[in-house]
Amino acid sequence: MGVGYYLVNNCKREQLSFGDISGNKKRELAGNPASAAITTWYLLEHIGDEIAFVSDTYDDWPFRTGSRKDWCGYNDVTDHIIDQLIQSGILQDDGKEFLTTTLMCICADYETNGWMM
């Protein structure tokens, strides 16, 4: 099991979890055309915001403000961005391949046990 990543916008208090596509690992994010399109679209739509990938494993927080604990409350806009890309004709909806663990469960573990998956 590898390290998963979430794209976090600290300015807007939003995140992309990539939960409805096949993976959030480094190679999956770079090698999957859908995740690459989602990431590129989001970055271009939010130029100037504090945006970075945050792992689900390490105790990293690349921003000067906020914290990993705050991140648990950030709105997941993955589905909204996917809808925009489908409406723009960039992505095609072929249904879900599989479901992944959600950030909500990870954050609940962190708040309860003080650890992350």
N, C-alpha and C. Protein backbone atom coordinates (compact mmCIF):
# COMPACT_ATOMS: atom_id res chain seq x y z
N MET A 1 0.86 -1.17 0.00
CA MET A 1 0.00 0.00 0.00
C MET A 1 0.90 1.23 0.00
N GLY A 2 0.72 2.10 -0.99
CA GLY A 2 1.55 3.29 -1.13
C GLY A 2 0.95 4.51 -0.47
N VAL A 3 1.66 5.59 -0.61
CA VAL A 3 1.24 6.88 -0.06
C VAL A 3 0.21 7.51 -1.00
N GLY A 4 -0.92 7.92 -0.44
CA GLY A 4 -1.94 8.62 -1.21
C GLY A 4 -1.78 10.12 -1.05
N TYR A 5 -2.22 10.85 -2.06
CA TYR A 5 -2.10 12.31 -2.04
C TYR A 5 -3.45 12.97 -2.33
N TYR A 6 -3.63 14.12 -1.71
CA TYR A 6 -4.80 14.97 -1.91
C TYR A 6 -4.31 16.33 -2.35
N LEU A 7 -4.98 16.94 -3.31
CA LEU A 7 -4.63 18.30 -3.71
C LEU A 7 -5.42 19.24 -2.82
N VAL A 8 -4.73 20.07 -2.05
CA VAL A 8 -5.35 20.91 -1.04
C VAL A 8 -5.19 22.38 -1.42
N ASN A 9 -6.30 23.10 -1.43
CA ASN A 9 -6.30 24.55 -1.64
C ASN A 9 -6.54 25.19 -0.28
N ASN A 10 -5.48 25.70 0.32
CA ASN A 10 -5.58 26.27 1.65
C ASN A 10 -6.32 27.61 1.65
N CYS A 11 -6.26 28.36 0.55
CA CYS A 11 -6.97 29.64 0.46
C CYS A 11 -8.48 29.46 0.48
N LYS A 12 -8.96 28.50 -0.31
CA LYS A 12 -10.40 28.27 -0.44
C LYS A 12 -10.91 27.21 0.53
N ARG A 13 -10.00 26.57 1.26
CA ARG A 13 -10.35 25.50 2.19
C ARG A 13 -11.10 24.38 1.44
N GLU A 14 -10.49 23.98 0.32
CA GLU A 14 -11.03 22.92 -0.53
C GLU A 14 -9.97 21.86 -0.75
N GLN A 15 -10.43 20.68 -1.19
CA GLN A 15 -9.52 19.59 -1.51
C GLN A 15 -10.07 18.78 -2.67
N LEU A 16 -9.15 18.13 -3.36
CA LEU A 16 -9.49 17.12 -4.35
C LEU A 16 -9.00 15.80 -3.78
N SER A 17 -9.91 14.86 -3.58
CA SER A 17 -9.55 13.56 -3.00
C SER A 17 -9.30 12.50 -4.05
N PHE A 18 -9.75 12.74 -5.28
CA PHE A 18 -9.60 11.77 -6.38
C PHE A 18 -10.30 10.46 -6.06
N GLY A 19 -11.32 10.49 -5.21
CA GLY A 19 -11.99 9.29 -4.75
C GLY A 19 -12.79 8.55 -5.80
N ASP A 20 -13.23 9.23 -6.84
CA ASP A 20 -14.07 8.57 -7.85
C ASP A 20 -13.29 8.12 -9.08
N ILE A 21 -11.97 8.24 -9.03
CA ILE A 21 -11.16 7.76 -10.14
C ILE A 21 -10.19 6.71 -9.60
N SER A 22 -9.44 6.11 -10.47
CA SER A 22 -8.63 4.96 -10.03
C SER A 22 -7.31 5.38 -9.40
N GLY A 23 -7.38 5.87 -8.19
CA GLY A 23 -6.18 6.05 -7.40
C GLY A 23 -5.76 7.47 -7.08
N ASN A 24 -5.04 7.57 -5.96
CA ASN A 24 -4.50 8.86 -5.55
C ASN A 24 -3.02 8.72 -5.17
N LYS A 25 -2.38 7.68 -5.67
CA LYS A 25 -0.95 7.49 -5.45
C LYS A 25 -0.18 8.30 -6.50
N LYS A 26 1.10 8.55 -6.26
CA LYS A 26 1.90 9.42 -7.14
C LYS A 26 1.85 8.96 -8.60
N ARG A 27 2.13 7.69 -8.84
CA ARG A 27 2.14 7.20 -10.23
C ARG A 27 0.74 7.21 -10.85
N GLU A 28 -0.28 6.96 -10.03
CA GLU A 28 -1.65 6.97 -10.54
C GLU A 28 -2.09 8.39 -10.89
N LEU A 29 -1.70 9.35 -10.06
CA LEU A 29 -2.06 10.75 -10.35
C LEU A 29 -1.41 11.25 -11.63
N ALA A 30 -0.15 10.88 -11.83
CA ALA A 30 0.57 11.32 -13.03
C ALA A 30 0.19 10.51 -14.26
N GLY A 31 -0.07 9.21 -14.09
CA GLY A 31 -0.30 8.33 -15.22
C GLY A 31 -1.73 8.17 -15.66
N ASN A 32 -2.68 8.58 -14.85
CA ASN A 32 -4.09 8.45 -15.20
C ASN A 32 -4.54 9.74 -15.87
N PRO A 33 -4.99 9.68 -17.13
CA PRO A 33 -5.40 10.90 -17.83
C PRO A 33 -6.51 11.67 -17.10
N ALA A 34 -7.41 10.96 -16.43
CA ALA A 34 -8.50 11.65 -15.72
C ALA A 34 -7.96 12.45 -14.54
N SER A 35 -7.10 11.84 -13.72
CA SER A 35 -6.57 12.57 -12.56
C SER A 35 -5.67 13.71 -13.00
N ALA A 36 -4.91 13.52 -14.08
CA ALA A 36 -4.06 14.59 -14.60
C ALA A 36 -4.92 15.76 -15.10
N ALA A 37 -6.03 15.45 -15.78
CA ALA A 37 -6.93 16.50 -16.26
C ALA A 37 -7.58 17.24 -15.09
N ILE A 38 -8.00 16.51 -14.08
CA ILE A 38 -8.63 17.12 -12.90
C ILE A 38 -7.66 18.06 -12.21
N THR A 39 -6.44 17.59 -12.00
CA THR A 39 -5.42 18.41 -11.34
C THR A 39 -5.10 19.66 -12.14
N THR A 40 -4.85 19.50 -13.43
CA THR A 40 -4.51 20.64 -14.29
C THR A 40 -5.64 21.66 -14.32
N TRP A 41 -6.86 21.21 -14.51
CA TRP A 41 -8.02 22.10 -14.55
C TRP A 41 -8.13 22.90 -13.25
N TYR A 42 -8.03 22.19 -12.12
CA TYR A 42 -8.17 22.87 -10.83
C TYR A 42 -7.08 23.90 -10.63
N LEU A 43 -5.83 23.55 -10.94
CA LEU A 43 -4.73 24.49 -10.78
C LEU A 43 -4.91 25.72 -11.67
N LEU A 44 -5.34 25.52 -12.90
CA LEU A 44 -5.54 26.66 -13.81
C LEU A 44 -6.73 27.53 -13.40
N GLU A 45 -7.73 26.94 -12.79
CA GLU A 45 -8.90 27.70 -12.33
C GLU A 45 -8.61 28.48 -11.04
N HIS A 46 -7.53 28.13 -10.35
CA HIS A 46 -7.23 28.76 -9.06
C HIS A 46 -5.80 29.30 -8.99
N ILE A 47 -5.35 29.90 -10.08
CA ILE A 47 -4.00 30.48 -10.13
C ILE A 47 -3.87 31.52 -9.02
N GLY A 48 -2.77 31.45 -8.30
CA GLY A 48 -2.49 32.40 -7.23
C GLY A 48 -2.88 31.90 -5.85
N ASP A 49 -3.69 30.85 -5.77
CA ASP A 49 -4.06 30.27 -4.47
C ASP A 49 -2.91 29.42 -3.93
N GLU A 50 -2.91 29.22 -2.62
CA GLU A 50 -1.95 28.30 -1.99
C GLU A 50 -2.47 26.88 -2.19
N ILE A 51 -1.87 26.15 -3.13
CA ILE A 51 -2.31 24.80 -3.47
C ILE A 51 -1.10 23.88 -3.45
N ALA A 52 -1.26 22.72 -2.82
CA ALA A 52 -0.18 21.74 -2.79
C ALA A 52 -0.76 20.35 -2.56
N PHE A 53 0.02 19.34 -2.93
CA PHE A 53 -0.36 17.97 -2.61
C PHE A 53 0.03 17.69 -1.16
N VAL A 54 -0.87 17.03 -0.43
CA VAL A 54 -0.63 16.64 0.96
C VAL A 54 -0.85 15.13 1.04
N SER A 55 0.05 14.44 1.70
CA SER A 55 -0.03 12.98 1.76
C SER A 55 -1.00 12.52 2.84
N ASP A 56 -1.46 11.30 2.69
CA ASP A 56 -2.32 10.71 3.71
C ASP A 56 -1.50 9.90 4.72
N THR A 57 -0.16 9.95 4.58
CA THR A 57 0.72 9.13 5.40
C THR A 57 1.65 9.95 6.28
N TYR A 58 2.28 10.93 5.68
CA TYR A 58 3.29 11.70 6.40
C TYR A 58 2.65 12.87 7.14
N ASP A 59 3.39 13.46 8.05
CA ASP A 59 2.89 14.59 8.83
C ASP A 59 3.26 15.90 8.15
N ASP A 60 3.02 15.97 6.85
CA ASP A 60 3.38 17.15 6.09
C ASP A 60 2.24 18.17 6.05
N TRP A 61 2.59 19.44 6.10
CA TRP A 61 1.63 20.53 5.90
C TRP A 61 2.43 21.66 5.25
N PRO A 62 2.30 21.83 3.95
CA PRO A 62 3.17 22.76 3.21
C PRO A 62 2.78 24.24 3.32
N PHE A 63 1.76 24.55 4.08
CA PHE A 63 1.25 25.92 4.14
C PHE A 63 1.67 26.62 5.43
N ARG A 64 1.77 27.95 5.38
CA ARG A 64 2.13 28.73 6.57
C ARG A 64 0.99 28.80 7.56
N THR A 65 -0.25 28.71 7.09
CA THR A 65 -1.42 28.78 7.97
C THR A 65 -2.19 27.47 7.89
N GLY A 66 -3.11 27.29 8.84
CA GLY A 66 -3.91 26.06 8.87
C GLY A 66 -3.11 24.90 9.40
N SER A 67 -3.73 23.73 9.40
CA SER A 67 -3.08 22.52 9.90
C SER A 67 -3.75 21.30 9.30
N ARG A 68 -3.14 20.15 9.51
CA ARG A 68 -3.76 18.90 9.05
C ARG A 68 -5.12 18.70 9.71
N LYS A 69 -5.24 19.11 10.96
CA LYS A 69 -6.53 18.97 11.64
C LYS A 69 -7.59 19.84 10.96
N ASP A 70 -7.24 21.06 10.55
CA ASP A 70 -8.17 21.93 9.83
C ASP A 70 -8.58 21.31 8.50
N TRP A 71 -7.63 20.65 7.87
CA TRP A 71 -7.84 20.05 6.55
C TRP A 71 -9.02 19.07 6.56
N CYS A 72 -9.27 18.42 7.68
CA CYS A 72 -10.38 17.47 7.77
C CYS A 72 -11.73 18.13 7.45
N GLY A 73 -11.84 19.43 7.69
CA GLY A 73 -13.08 20.14 7.42
C GLY A 73 -13.15 20.79 6.05
N TYR A 74 -12.10 20.64 5.24
CA TYR A 74 -12.10 21.26 3.92
C TYR A 74 -13.10 20.54 3.01
N ASN A 75 -13.79 21.30 2.20
CA ASN A 75 -14.80 20.78 1.29
C ASN A 75 -14.13 20.00 0.15
N ASP A 76 -14.60 18.79 -0.11
CA ASP A 76 -14.09 17.99 -1.22
C ASP A 76 -14.85 18.38 -2.48
N VAL A 77 -14.13 18.98 -3.44
CA VAL A 77 -14.75 19.47 -4.67
C VAL A 77 -14.44 18.59 -5.87
N THR A 78 -13.97 17.37 -5.62
CA THR A 78 -13.60 16.46 -6.71
C THR A 78 -14.77 16.26 -7.67
N ASP A 79 -15.94 15.92 -7.15
CA ASP A 79 -17.10 15.67 -8.02
C ASP A 79 -17.50 16.90 -8.82
N HIS A 80 -17.40 18.07 -8.21
CA HIS A 80 -17.74 19.32 -8.90
C HIS A 80 -16.79 19.56 -10.08
N ILE A 81 -15.49 19.32 -9.87
CA ILE A 81 -14.51 19.50 -10.94
C ILE A 81 -14.72 18.46 -12.04
N ILE A 82 -15.01 17.23 -11.66
CA ILE A 82 -15.30 16.19 -12.65
C ILE A 82 -16.52 16.59 -13.48
N ASP A 83 -17.56 17.10 -12.85
CA ASP A 83 -18.75 17.56 -13.58
C ASP A 83 -18.39 18.66 -14.58
N GLN A 84 -17.55 19.60 -14.17
CA GLN A 84 -17.12 20.68 -15.07
C GLN A 84 -16.39 20.11 -16.29
N LEU A 85 -15.52 19.12 -16.04
CA LEU A 85 -14.75 18.53 -17.13
C LEU A 85 -15.63 17.70 -18.06
N ILE A 86 -16.63 17.04 -17.53
CA ILE A 86 -17.58 16.30 -18.37
C ILE A 86 -18.39 17.27 -19.22
N GLN A 87 -18.88 18.34 -18.62
CA GLN A 87 -19.67 19.34 -19.36
C GLN A 87 -18.83 20.04 -20.42
N SER A 88 -17.52 20.15 -20.19
CA SER A 88 -16.63 20.78 -21.16
C SER A 88 -16.18 19.82 -22.25
N GLY A 89 -16.55 18.54 -22.13
CA GLY A 89 -16.18 17.54 -23.13
C GLY A 89 -14.76 17.01 -22.97
N ILE A 90 -14.14 17.29 -21.84
CA ILE A 90 -12.77 16.83 -21.61
C ILE A 90 -12.76 15.41 -21.06
N LEU A 91 -13.69 15.10 -20.15
CA LEU A 91 -13.83 13.76 -19.60
C LEU A 91 -15.16 13.17 -20.03
N GLN A 92 -15.23 11.85 -20.01
CA GLN A 92 -16.46 11.12 -20.30
C GLN A 92 -16.81 10.28 -19.09
N ASP A 93 -18.07 10.29 -18.67
CA ASP A 93 -18.50 9.53 -17.50
C ASP A 93 -18.78 8.08 -17.90
N ASP A 94 -17.90 7.18 -17.46
CA ASP A 94 -18.09 5.74 -17.70
C ASP A 94 -18.42 5.01 -16.41
N GLY A 95 -18.81 5.74 -15.37
CA GLY A 95 -19.16 5.14 -14.09
C GLY A 95 -17.94 5.00 -13.19
N LYS A 96 -18.19 4.57 -11.97
CA LYS A 96 -17.11 4.41 -10.99
C LYS A 96 -16.44 3.06 -11.16
N GLU A 97 -15.11 3.07 -11.06
CA GLU A 97 -14.37 1.82 -11.15
C GLU A 97 -14.37 1.13 -9.79
N PHE A 98 -14.11 1.88 -8.72
CA PHE A 98 -14.16 1.34 -7.37
C PHE A 98 -14.19 2.51 -6.39
N LEU A 99 -14.53 2.22 -5.15
CA LEU A 99 -14.55 3.23 -4.10
C LEU A 99 -13.29 3.12 -3.26
N THR A 100 -12.79 4.25 -2.81
CA THR A 100 -11.59 4.25 -1.97
C THR A 100 -11.95 4.78 -0.59
N THR A 101 -11.03 4.63 0.36
CA THR A 101 -11.21 5.16 1.70
C THR A 101 -11.32 6.67 1.62
N THR A 102 -12.27 7.23 2.32
CA THR A 102 -12.45 8.68 2.26
C THR A 102 -11.59 9.38 3.29
N LEU A 103 -11.32 10.64 3.03
CA LEU A 103 -10.55 11.45 3.97
C LEU A 103 -11.27 11.56 5.29
N MET A 104 -12.61 11.54 5.28
CA MET A 104 -13.37 11.66 6.51
C MET A 104 -12.99 10.55 7.50
N CYS A 105 -12.85 9.34 7.00
CA CYS A 105 -12.46 8.22 7.87
C CYS A 105 -11.05 8.41 8.38
N ILE A 106 -10.16 8.86 7.52
CA ILE A 106 -8.78 9.09 7.93
C ILE A 106 -8.73 10.16 9.01
N CYS A 107 -9.45 11.25 8.81
CA CYS A 107 -9.45 12.33 9.79
C CYS A 107 -10.08 11.90 11.11
N ALA A 108 -11.10 11.07 11.05
CA ALA A 108 -11.72 10.57 12.28
C ALA A 108 -10.70 9.76 13.07
N ASP A 109 -9.91 8.93 12.37
CA ASP A 109 -8.87 8.17 13.04
C ASP A 109 -7.84 9.10 13.65
N TYR A 110 -7.47 10.16 12.93
CA TYR A 110 -6.47 11.09 13.42
C TYR A 110 -6.95 11.79 14.69
N GLU A 111 -8.20 12.25 14.68
CA GLU A 111 -8.73 12.94 15.85
C GLU A 111 -8.88 12.00 17.04
N THR A 112 -9.23 10.75 16.78
CA THR A 112 -9.42 9.79 17.86
C THR A 112 -8.11 9.24 18.39
N ASN A 113 -7.22 8.85 17.47
CA ASN A 113 -6.01 8.13 17.87
C ASN A 113 -4.72 8.94 17.71
N GLY A 114 -4.80 10.09 17.05
CA GLY A 114 -3.60 10.89 16.84
C GLY A 114 -2.67 10.34 15.78
N TRP A 115 -3.18 9.51 14.87
CA TRP A 115 -2.37 8.97 13.80
C TRP A 115 -3.11 9.06 12.48
N MET A 116 -2.37 8.97 11.41
CA MET A 116 -2.94 8.99 10.07
C MET A 116 -2.63 7.67 9.40
N MET A 117 -3.47 7.27 8.44
CA MET A 117 -3.21 6.04 7.68
C MET A 117 -2.02 6.25 6.76
